[in-house]
Amino acid sequence: MSGLGRKVFTAGEVLAAADVNGYLMDQTVMVFADATARTAAIAEPSEGMLTYLEDTNAYESWNGAAWANIAPTSPITTEGDLITGDATGVASRIGIGSTDQVLTVVAGAPTWAAAGGGSITLLSTTTASGATTTISSINQTYENLIITMENITVSADDFLTFRPRVGSTTIAAKLLGTGVNASPSFITESSNFGTPNQILSGTQENSFFISINNYAGSSNNRKKRILTVNDFGISGARYINNLQGFLNSTTTGGIDGFQIATSGTYTGGTIKIYGVK
C-alpha cells in the first residue's frame, strides 16, 4: 500500500497492522543487500518508497514505474576531476587537465586547452661563438620578442653589433641612445646597431637585453619598435646603456632571424630568445 503520510498517535490507541504498514514500514528507508533482495521482499512497491542498496551504496526511490537513484553516484575517478552536466541534468566527468592547461569552452562544452595570452615562452638557447653568431629561424606565432645575451666574452676589445634579418636580408635600425658615453643623439647604422662602448676581452660581466614589438607582423618594419639595455663591465666598473628606436627599413615581413657580430671572435656567452603573447 502507499505511504499514508503522518499521523499523531494518542496514548492507548490500538496500533493496527494497516497503520504499521502505511505510516511506518512503507515510509522508512529500507536496507537491502542488493536489488534482488529488494525485489524478493517488496513484490508490489508503492510510489515514494525509499530503499538503500548495500552493494552499490545507492539510495533509490520507487517513482511508480521503476526504482530511480535519488543520489547519483559520482563519476569522479581521479583526484582533480571535474563534474559537468548536460541539458537534461546528466552528470559526466571531465578528467584532470595537464600542467599549465586552462579550462575553456569549445562548441558549447567545457574542455581543457593550452593557456592563451599573457605567456612568455623560451624559444631557443644558443652559445655565442666565432666572429658572427647567426640565429636563422625564429618562431613567428608570438606578438613580441625578447632576446637576452648573458656573460658575453670576446677575444679582443670590441663593440657588439646586432643585425635583425627578414629572411636572408639584414635590415637597419635607427636608435636614440642614452647612458655612459652615449649622448642623446640619433645613432644610425645601415645594417646593425650595438654597444656605444667597447666590451673588454676576458670579462664575463657583459649582458644585453633586446625587445622588439610586433616582430612577426608583415607590415612595414618601421613600425617595429626596439628597446635595448646593455649592462657591461670595464676595468672593474659597471655601466649601463639604454637604446630605443625603430627598425629603419621599409622591408616588409616578420623578423625571423638575426646576427651578433664582432671583429674578433666570441669566446663565450648564451643567447636566449623568448616569445611573448
C-alpha atoms as a PDB file:
ATOM      1  CA  MET A   1       0.000   0.000   0.000  1.00  0.00           C
ATOM      2  CA  SER A   2       1.075   3.596  -0.429  1.00  0.00           C
ATOM      3  CA  GLY A   3       2.516   5.568   2.469  1.00  0.00           C
ATOM      4  CA  LEU A   4      -0.210   7.284   4.472  1.00  0.00           C
ATOM      5  CA  GLY A   5       1.744  10.422   5.367  1.00  0.00           C
ATOM      6  CA  ARG A   6       1.917  11.421   9.023  1.00  0.00           C
ATOM      7  CA  LYS A   7      -0.302  10.530  11.949  1.00  0.00           C
ATOM      8  CA  VAL A   8      -0.092  11.530  15.607  1.00  0.00           C
ATOM      9  CA  PHE A   9      -0.979   8.547  17.742  1.00  0.00           C
ATOM     10  CA  THR A  10      -2.649   9.020  21.132  1.00  0.00           C
ATOM     11  CA  ALA A  11      -1.850   7.154  24.299  1.00  0.00           C
ATOM     12  CA  GLY A  12      -3.634   3.831  24.482  1.00  0.00           C
ATOM     13  CA  GLU A  13      -4.609   3.838  20.805  1.00  0.00           C
ATOM     14  CA  VAL A  14      -4.586   0.418  19.161  1.00  0.00           C
ATOM     15  CA  LEU A  15      -1.811   0.211  16.554  1.00  0.00           C
ATOM     16  CA  ALA A  16      -3.425  -1.647  13.677  1.00  0.00           C
ATOM     17  CA  ALA A  17      -1.430  -3.559  11.056  1.00  0.00           C
ATOM     18  CA  ALA A  18      -2.549  -1.111   8.388  1.00  0.00           C
ATOM     19  CA  ASP A  19      -1.166   1.763  10.431  1.00  0.00           C
ATOM     20  CA  VAL A  20       2.161  -0.001  10.954  1.00  0.00           C
ATOM     21  CA  ASN A  21       2.494  -0.690   7.222  1.00  0.00           C
ATOM     22  CA  GLY A  22       1.153   2.659   5.962  1.00  0.00           C
ATOM     23  CA  TYR A  23       2.740   5.003   8.487  1.00  0.00           C
ATOM     24  CA  LEU A  24       5.901   3.115   9.380  1.00  0.00           C
ATOM     25  CA  MET A  25       7.077   0.309   7.102  1.00  0.00           C
ATOM     26  CA  ASP A  26       6.258   1.986   3.786  1.00  0.00           C
ATOM     27  CA  GLN A  27       7.772   5.333   4.862  1.00  0.00           C
ATOM     28  CA  THR A  28      11.133   4.213   6.233  1.00  0.00           C
ATOM     29  CA  VAL A  29      14.459   3.787   4.423  1.00  0.00           C
ATOM     30  CA  MET A  30      14.551   0.026   3.936  1.00  0.00           C
ATOM     31  CA  VAL A  31      18.016  -1.503   3.674  1.00  0.00           C
ATOM     32  CA  PHE A  32      18.735  -4.449   1.344  1.00  0.00           C
ATOM     33  CA  ALA A  33      21.876  -6.285   0.306  1.00  0.00           C
ATOM     34  CA  ASP A  34      21.099  -5.713  -3.360  1.00  0.00           C
ATOM     35  CA  ALA A  35      18.282  -5.155  -5.863  1.00  0.00           C
ATOM     36  CA  THR A  36      17.464  -8.878  -5.982  1.00  0.00           C
ATOM     37  CA  ALA A  37      16.861  -8.984  -2.242  1.00  0.00           C
ATOM     38  CA  ARG A  38      14.696  -5.893  -2.504  1.00  0.00           C
ATOM     39  CA  THR A  39      12.540  -7.395  -5.270  1.00  0.00           C
ATOM     40  CA  ALA A  40      12.036 -10.529  -3.229  1.00  0.00           C
ATOM     41  CA  ALA A  41      10.956  -8.510  -0.187  1.00  0.00           C
ATOM     42  CA  ILE A  42       8.785  -5.921  -1.955  1.00  0.00           C
ATOM     43  CA  ALA A  43       6.617  -7.600  -4.570  1.00  0.00           C
ATOM     44  CA  GLU A  44       4.430  -4.536  -5.114  1.00  0.00           C
ATOM     45  CA  PRO A  45       6.295  -1.324  -4.240  1.00  0.00           C
ATOM     46  CA  SER A  46       4.360   1.861  -3.609  1.00  0.00           C
ATOM     47  CA  GLU A  47       5.262   5.227  -5.136  1.00  0.00           C
ATOM     48  CA  GLY A  48       7.595   7.140  -2.853  1.00  0.00           C
ATOM     49  CA  MET A  49       9.123   4.090  -1.153  1.00  0.00           C
ATOM     50  CA  LEU A  50      12.769   4.671  -0.309  1.00  0.00           C
ATOM     51  CA  THR A  51      15.460   1.960  -0.149  1.00  0.00           C
ATOM     52  CA  TYR A  52      19.199   1.698   0.318  1.00  0.00           C
ATOM     53  CA  LEU A  53      21.254  -0.938  -1.532  1.00  0.00           C
ATOM     54  CA  GLU A  54      24.424  -2.008   0.241  1.00  0.00           C
ATOM     55  CA  ASP A  55      26.201  -3.377  -2.844  1.00  0.00           C
ATOM     56  CA  THR A  56      26.049  -0.083  -4.754  1.00  0.00           C
ATOM     57  CA  ASN A  57      25.751   2.316  -1.790  1.00  0.00           C
ATOM     58  CA  ALA A  58      22.780   3.889  -3.543  1.00  0.00           C
ATOM     59  CA  TYR A  59      19.530   5.403  -2.300  1.00  0.00           C
ATOM     60  CA  GLU A  60      16.676   4.581  -4.691  1.00  0.00           C
ATOM     61  CA  SER A  61      13.035   5.620  -4.716  1.00  0.00           C
ATOM     62  CA  TRP A  62      10.094   3.946  -6.486  1.00  0.00           C
ATOM     63  CA  ASN A  63       8.658   6.511  -8.916  1.00  0.00           C
ATOM     64  CA  GLY A  64       5.608   4.460  -9.822  1.00  0.00           C
ATOM     65  CA  ALA A  65       7.320   2.633 -12.688  1.00  0.00           C
ATOM     66  CA  ALA A  66      10.901   1.884 -11.611  1.00  0.00           C
ATOM     67  CA  TRP A  67      13.473   2.309  -8.879  1.00  0.00           C
ATOM     68  CA  ALA A  68      15.367   5.577  -9.504  1.00  0.00           C
ATOM     69  CA  ASN A  69      18.621   6.702  -7.937  1.00  0.00           C
ATOM     70  CA  ILE A  70      17.934   9.814  -5.846  1.00  0.00           C
ATOM     71  CA  ALA A  71      21.620  10.430  -5.067  1.00  0.00           C
ATOM     72  CA  PRO A  72      23.546   9.771  -8.313  1.00  0.00           C
ATOM     73  CA  THR A  73      26.898   8.057  -7.971  1.00  0.00           C
ATOM     74  CA  SER A  74      29.781  10.480  -8.522  1.00  0.00           C
ATOM     75  CA  PRO A  75      31.512  10.000 -11.912  1.00  0.00           C
ATOM     76  CA  ILE A  76      34.839  11.160 -10.429  1.00  0.00           C
ATOM     77  CA  THR A  77      37.594   8.557 -10.690  1.00  0.00           C
ATOM     78  CA  THR A  78      40.774  10.613 -10.201  1.00  0.00           C
ATOM     79  CA  GLU A  79      41.821  13.417  -7.868  1.00  0.00           C
ATOM     80  CA  GLY A  80      41.287  16.734  -9.639  1.00  0.00           C
ATOM     81  CA  ASP A  81      38.434  15.525 -11.888  1.00  0.00           C
ATOM     82  CA  LEU A  82      35.537  17.897 -12.541  1.00  0.00           C
ATOM     83  CA  ILE A  83      31.813  17.162 -12.928  1.00  0.00           C
ATOM     84  CA  THR A  84      29.794  18.722 -15.729  1.00  0.00           C
ATOM     85  CA  GLY A  85      26.164  18.267 -16.754  1.00  0.00           C
ATOM     86  CA  ASP A  86      24.150  18.318 -19.961  1.00  0.00           C
ATOM     87  CA  ALA A  87      20.807  19.985 -20.633  1.00  0.00           C
ATOM     88  CA  THR A  88      18.930  17.029 -19.131  1.00  0.00           C
ATOM     89  CA  GLY A  89      20.910  17.101 -15.920  1.00  0.00           C
ATOM     90  CA  VAL A  90      23.010  14.007 -16.605  1.00  0.00           C
ATOM     91  CA  ALA A  91      26.394  14.299 -14.883  1.00  0.00           C
ATOM     92  CA  SER A  92      29.653  13.342 -16.575  1.00  0.00           C
ATOM     93  CA  ARG A  93      33.346  13.511 -15.762  1.00  0.00           C
ATOM     94  CA  ILE A  94      35.998  15.862 -17.138  1.00  0.00           C
ATOM     95  CA  GLY A  95      39.373  14.325 -16.346  1.00  0.00           C
ATOM     96  CA  ILE A  96      42.007  16.498 -14.708  1.00  0.00           C
ATOM     97  CA  GLY A  97      43.980  18.508 -17.267  1.00  0.00           C
ATOM     98  CA  SER A  98      47.724  18.696 -17.792  1.00  0.00           C
ATOM     99  CA  THR A  99      50.196  21.178 -16.289  1.00  0.00           C
ATOM    100  CA  ASP A 100      49.608  24.781 -17.500  1.00  0.00           C
ATOM    101  CA  GLN A 101      46.307  23.914 -19.231  1.00  0.00           C
ATOM    102  CA  VAL A 102      43.242  26.080 -18.610  1.00  0.00           C
ATOM    103  CA  LEU A 103      39.540  25.234 -18.737  1.00  0.00           C
ATOM    104  CA  THR A 104      37.795  26.743 -21.740  1.00  0.00           C
ATOM    105  CA  VAL A 105      34.653  26.191 -23.827  1.00  0.00           C
ATOM    106  CA  VAL A 106      34.660  24.662 -27.313  1.00  0.00           C
ATOM    107  CA  ALA A 107      31.386  24.206 -29.237  1.00  0.00           C
ATOM    108  CA  GLY A 108      29.406  24.817 -26.069  1.00  0.00           C
ATOM    109  CA  ALA A 109      31.212  22.208 -23.981  1.00  0.00           C
ATOM    110  CA  PRO A 110      33.935  22.705 -21.324  1.00  0.00           C
ATOM    111  CA  THR A 111      37.340  21.273 -22.195  1.00  0.00           C
ATOM    112  CA  TRP A 112      40.997  21.640 -21.282  1.00  0.00           C
ATOM    113  CA  ALA A 113      43.285  23.637 -23.594  1.00  0.00           C
ATOM    114  CA  ALA A 114      46.731  25.193 -23.637  1.00  0.00           C
ATOM    115  CA  ALA A 115      46.967  28.538 -21.845  1.00  0.00           C
ATOM    116  CA  GLY A 116      46.389  31.536 -24.097  1.00  0.00           C
ATOM    117  CA  GLY A 117      47.537  35.163 -23.912  1.00  0.00           C
ATOM    118  CA  GLY A 118      49.872  36.696 -21.415  1.00  0.00           C
ATOM    119  CA  SER A 119      52.506  33.984 -21.588  1.00  0.00           C
ATOM    120  CA  ILE A 120      56.235  34.064 -22.240  1.00  0.00           C
ATOM    121  CA  THR A 121      57.962  31.043 -23.786  1.00  0.00           C
ATOM    122  CA  LEU A 122      61.636  30.230 -24.212  1.00  0.00           C
ATOM    123  CA  LEU A 123      62.035  29.542 -27.945  1.00  0.00           C
ATOM    124  CA  SER A 124      65.745  28.773 -28.245  1.00  0.00           C
ATOM    125  CA  THR A 125      69.115  28.819 -26.489  1.00  0.00           C
ATOM    126  CA  THR A 126      72.359  29.369 -28.447  1.00  0.00           C
ATOM    127  CA  THR A 127      76.016  29.639 -27.421  1.00  0.00           C
ATOM    128  CA  ALA A 128      77.850  32.659 -28.906  1.00  0.00           C
ATOM    129  CA  SER A 129      80.883  31.606 -30.950  1.00  0.00           C
ATOM    130  CA  GLY A 130      83.002  32.668 -33.910  1.00  0.00           C
ATOM    131  CA  ALA A 131      83.070  36.144 -35.399  1.00  0.00           C
ATOM    132  CA  THR A 132      79.334  36.013 -36.130  1.00  0.00           C
ATOM    133  CA  THR A 133      76.632  34.012 -34.395  1.00  0.00           C
ATOM    134  CA  THR A 134      73.544  33.631 -36.583  1.00  0.00           C
ATOM    135  CA  ILE A 135      70.020  32.758 -35.482  1.00  0.00           C
ATOM    136  CA  SER A 136      68.422  31.701 -38.748  1.00  0.00           C
ATOM    137  CA  SER A 137      64.923  30.803 -37.599  1.00  0.00           C
ATOM    138  CA  ILE A 138      62.538  32.392 -35.096  1.00  0.00           C
ATOM    139  CA  ASN A 139      59.011  31.140 -34.362  1.00  0.00           C
ATOM    140  CA  GLN A 140      56.530  33.621 -35.888  1.00  0.00           C
ATOM    141  CA  THR A 141      53.457  32.818 -33.744  1.00  0.00           C
ATOM    142  CA  TYR A 142      54.127  35.312 -30.936  1.00  0.00           C
ATOM    143  CA  GLU A 143      53.463  39.040 -30.639  1.00  0.00           C
ATOM    144  CA  ASN A 144      56.686  40.365 -29.145  1.00  0.00           C
ATOM    145  CA  LEU A 145      60.257  39.149 -28.994  1.00  0.00           C
ATOM    146  CA  ILE A 146      62.727  39.297 -26.103  1.00  0.00           C
ATOM    147  CA  ILE A 147      66.392  38.459 -26.661  1.00  0.00           C
ATOM    148  CA  THR A 148      68.862  38.115 -23.810  1.00  0.00           C
ATOM    149  CA  MET A 149      72.618  37.706 -24.151  1.00  0.00           C
ATOM    150  CA  GLU A 150      74.368  36.707 -20.947  1.00  0.00           C
ATOM    151  CA  ASN A 151      78.073  36.503 -19.995  1.00  0.00           C
ATOM    152  CA  ILE A 152      79.255  37.543 -23.451  1.00  0.00           C
ATOM    153  CA  THR A 153      83.043  37.333 -23.861  1.00  0.00           C
ATOM    154  CA  VAL A 154      85.212  38.277 -26.831  1.00  0.00           C
ATOM    155  CA  SER A 155      88.774  37.553 -27.925  1.00  0.00           C
ATOM    156  CA  ALA A 156      89.637  41.258 -28.291  1.00  0.00           C
ATOM    157  CA  ASP A 157      88.174  44.557 -27.095  1.00  0.00           C
ATOM    158  CA  ASP A 158      85.378  45.421 -29.484  1.00  0.00           C
ATOM    159  CA  PHE A 159      81.827  46.662 -29.977  1.00  0.00           C
ATOM    160  CA  LEU A 160      78.993  44.173 -30.137  1.00  0.00           C
ATOM    161  CA  THR A 161      76.646  44.612 -33.105  1.00  0.00           C
ATOM    162  CA  PHE A 162      73.146  43.240 -33.523  1.00  0.00           C
ATOM    163  CA  ARG A 163      71.691  42.692 -37.019  1.00  0.00           C
ATOM    164  CA  PRO A 164      67.968  41.874 -37.343  1.00  0.00           C
ATOM    165  CA  ARG A 165      67.016  39.977 -40.510  1.00  0.00           C
ATOM    166  CA  VAL A 166      63.992  39.341 -42.696  1.00  0.00           C
ATOM    167  CA  GLY A 167      64.790  36.108 -44.491  1.00  0.00           C
ATOM    168  CA  SER A 168      68.420  36.454 -45.558  1.00  0.00           C
ATOM    169  CA  THR A 169      68.258  40.259 -45.699  1.00  0.00           C
ATOM    170  CA  THR A 170      69.770  42.290 -42.876  1.00  0.00           C
ATOM    171  CA  ILE A 171      67.686  45.382 -42.118  1.00  0.00           C
ATOM    172  CA  ALA A 172      68.776  48.621 -40.490  1.00  0.00           C
ATOM    173  CA  ALA A 173      67.790  50.204 -37.192  1.00  0.00           C
ATOM    174  CA  LYS A 174      67.676  53.820 -36.066  1.00  0.00           C
ATOM    175  CA  LEU A 175      68.087  54.276 -32.320  1.00  0.00           C
ATOM    176  CA  LEU A 176      68.314  57.053 -29.752  1.00  0.00           C
ATOM    177  CA  GLY A 177      70.917  56.199 -27.132  1.00  0.00           C
ATOM    178  CA  THR A 178      71.246  57.358 -23.527  1.00  0.00           C
ATOM    179  CA  GLY A 179      73.782  56.349 -20.876  1.00  0.00           C
ATOM    180  CA  VAL A 180      77.534  56.267 -20.456  1.00  0.00           C
ATOM    181  CA  ASN A 181      79.315  57.835 -23.450  1.00  0.00           C
ATOM    182  CA  ALA A 182      76.039  57.883 -25.384  1.00  0.00           C
ATOM    183  CA  SER A 183      74.815  61.457 -25.557  1.00  0.00           C
ATOM    184  CA  PRO A 184      71.154  61.950 -26.586  1.00  0.00           C
ATOM    185  CA  SER A 185      71.521  61.876 -30.338  1.00  0.00           C
ATOM    186  CA  PHE A 186      70.359  59.575 -33.097  1.00  0.00           C
ATOM    187  CA  ILE A 187      72.681  56.711 -33.888  1.00  0.00           C
ATOM    188  CA  THR A 188      72.095  55.446 -37.404  1.00  0.00           C
ATOM    189  CA  GLU A 189      73.762  52.342 -38.788  1.00  0.00           C
ATOM    190  CA  SER A 190      72.900  50.889 -42.157  1.00  0.00           C
ATOM    191  CA  SER A 191      72.907  47.245 -41.193  1.00  0.00           C
ATOM    192  CA  ASN A 192      73.394  46.885 -37.430  1.00  0.00           C
ATOM    193  CA  PHE A 193      73.325  48.532 -34.053  1.00  0.00           C
ATOM    194  CA  GLY A 194      75.185  47.685 -30.895  1.00  0.00           C
ATOM    195  CA  THR A 195      77.008  48.864 -27.830  1.00  0.00           C
ATOM    196  CA  PRO A 196      78.107  52.514 -27.697  1.00  0.00           C
ATOM    197  CA  ASN A 197      81.135  51.299 -25.736  1.00  0.00           C
ATOM    198  CA  GLN A 198      83.597  48.548 -26.380  1.00  0.00           C
ATOM    199  CA  ILE A 199      83.362  45.457 -24.243  1.00  0.00           C
ATOM    200  CA  LEU A 200      86.684  44.187 -22.952  1.00  0.00           C
ATOM    201  CA  SER A 201      88.077  40.774 -23.699  1.00  0.00           C
ATOM    202  CA  GLY A 202      88.155  38.277 -20.868  1.00  0.00           C
ATOM    203  CA  THR A 203      85.369  39.762 -18.747  1.00  0.00           C
ATOM    204  CA  GLN A 204      82.158  37.786 -18.220  1.00  0.00           C
ATOM    205  CA  GLU A 205      80.083  40.679 -16.914  1.00  0.00           C
ATOM    206  CA  ASN A 206      78.622  41.653 -20.290  1.00  0.00           C
ATOM    207  CA  SER A 207      74.894  41.133 -20.731  1.00  0.00           C
ATOM    208  CA  PHE A 208      72.341  42.560 -23.147  1.00  0.00           C
ATOM    209  CA  PHE A 209      68.554  42.752 -23.299  1.00  0.00           C
ATOM    210  CA  ILE A 210      66.711  43.467 -26.552  1.00  0.00           C
ATOM    211  CA  SER A 211      62.949  43.770 -27.026  1.00  0.00           C
ATOM    212  CA  ILE A 212      61.195  44.030 -30.417  1.00  0.00           C
ATOM    213  CA  ASN A 213      57.433  44.560 -30.524  1.00  0.00           C
ATOM    214  CA  ASN A 214      55.208  43.106 -33.253  1.00  0.00           C
ATOM    215  CA  TYR A 215      58.273  41.336 -34.632  1.00  0.00           C
ATOM    216  CA  ALA A 216      56.249  38.823 -36.659  1.00  0.00           C
ATOM    217  CA  GLY A 217      53.960  41.377 -38.293  1.00  0.00           C
ATOM    218  CA  SER A 218      54.083  41.593 -42.075  1.00  0.00           C
ATOM    219  CA  SER A 219      53.677  45.388 -42.123  1.00  0.00           C
ATOM    220  CA  ASN A 220      56.372  47.973 -42.840  1.00  0.00           C
ATOM    221  CA  ASN A 221      59.231  47.271 -40.443  1.00  0.00           C
ATOM    222  CA  ARG A 222      59.491  50.915 -39.409  1.00  0.00           C
ATOM    223  CA  LYS A 223      56.514  50.170 -37.161  1.00  0.00           C
ATOM    224  CA  LYS A 224      58.539  47.699 -35.126  1.00  0.00           C
ATOM    225  CA  ARG A 225      59.894  49.380 -32.008  1.00  0.00           C
ATOM    226  CA  ILE A 226      63.117  48.341 -30.296  1.00  0.00           C
ATOM    227  CA  LEU A 227      64.336  48.724 -26.719  1.00  0.00           C
ATOM    228  CA  THR A 228      67.800  47.580 -25.673  1.00  0.00           C
ATOM    229  CA  VAL A 229      69.604  47.621 -22.349  1.00  0.00           C
ATOM    230  CA  ASN A 230      73.333  46.922 -22.298  1.00  0.00           C
ATOM    231  CA  ASP A 231      74.931  46.020 -18.982  1.00  0.00           C
ATOM    232  CA  PHE A 232      78.698  45.620 -19.138  1.00  0.00           C
ATOM    233  CA  GLY A 233      81.889  45.862 -17.128  1.00  0.00           C
ATOM    234  CA  ILE A 234      85.030  47.816 -17.995  1.00  0.00           C
ATOM    235  CA  SER A 235      88.158  47.708 -15.810  1.00  0.00           C
ATOM    236  CA  GLY A 236      86.243  46.640 -12.732  1.00  0.00           C
ATOM    237  CA  ALA A 237      83.474  49.271 -13.145  1.00  0.00           C
ATOM    238  CA  ARG A 238      79.905  48.639 -14.263  1.00  0.00           C
ATOM    239  CA  TYR A 239      77.987  50.589 -16.898  1.00  0.00           C
ATOM    240  CA  ILE A 240      74.513  50.559 -18.385  1.00  0.00           C
ATOM    241  CA  ASN A 241      73.431  51.943 -21.752  1.00  0.00           C
ATOM    242  CA  ASN A 242      69.825  52.286 -22.888  1.00  0.00           C
ATOM    243  CA  LEU A 243      68.928  52.477 -26.574  1.00  0.00           C
ATOM    244  CA  GLN A 244      65.479  52.795 -28.066  1.00  0.00           C
ATOM    245  CA  GLY A 245      64.123  53.482 -31.509  1.00  0.00           C
ATOM    246  CA  PHE A 246      62.763  51.647 -34.533  1.00  0.00           C
ATOM    247  CA  LEU A 247      63.838  49.463 -37.406  1.00  0.00           C
ATOM    248  CA  ASN A 248      64.858  51.870 -40.157  1.00  0.00           C
ATOM    249  CA  SER A 249      63.647  49.849 -43.111  1.00  0.00           C
ATOM    250  CA  THR A 250      60.631  49.691 -45.414  1.00  0.00           C
ATOM    251  CA  THR A 251      61.175  45.957 -45.841  1.00  0.00           C
ATOM    252  CA  THR A 252      58.011  44.004 -45.067  1.00  0.00           C
ATOM    253  CA  GLY A 253      57.859  40.666 -43.297  1.00  0.00           C
ATOM    254  CA  GLY A 254      58.492  39.304 -39.841  1.00  0.00           C
ATOM    255  CA  ILE A 255      61.867  39.384 -38.108  1.00  0.00           C
ATOM    256  CA  ASP A 256      62.787  35.715 -38.499  1.00  0.00           C
ATOM    257  CA  GLY A 257      66.474  35.832 -37.606  1.00  0.00           C
ATOM    258  CA  PHE A 258      69.412  37.954 -36.503  1.00  0.00           C
ATOM    259  CA  GLN A 259      73.173  38.021 -36.133  1.00  0.00           C
ATOM    260  CA  ILE A 260      75.517  39.234 -33.436  1.00  0.00           C
ATOM    261  CA  ALA A 261      78.946  40.125 -34.757  1.00  0.00           C
ATOM    262  CA  THR A 262      82.361  41.307 -33.628  1.00  0.00           C
ATOM    263  CA  SER A 263      85.651  41.971 -35.427  1.00  0.00           C
ATOM    264  CA  GLY A 264      87.306  39.271 -33.313  1.00  0.00           C
ATOM    265  CA  THR A 265      85.544  36.154 -32.068  1.00  0.00           C
ATOM    266  CA  TYR A 266      83.050  35.377 -29.361  1.00  0.00           C
ATOM    267  CA  THR A 267      84.649  33.126 -26.783  1.00  0.00           C
ATOM    268  CA  GLY A 268      81.548  32.540 -24.673  1.00  0.00           C
ATOM    269  CA  GLY A 269      78.052  33.640 -23.801  1.00  0.00           C
ATOM    270  CA  THR A 270      74.473  32.405 -24.031  1.00  0.00           C
ATOM    271  CA  ILE A 271      71.779  33.834 -26.290  1.00  0.00           C
ATOM    272  CA  LYS A 272      68.156  33.139 -25.324  1.00  0.00           C
ATOM    273  CA  ILE A 273      65.075  34.037 -27.366  1.00  0.00           C
ATOM    274  CA  TYR A 274      61.627  34.371 -25.766  1.00  0.00           C
ATOM    275  CA  GLY A 275      58.262  34.749 -27.463  1.00  0.00           C
ATOM    276  CA  VAL A 276      55.642  36.874 -25.701  1.00  0.00           C
ATOM    277  CA  LYS A 277      51.876  36.702 -26.259  1.00  0.00           C
END
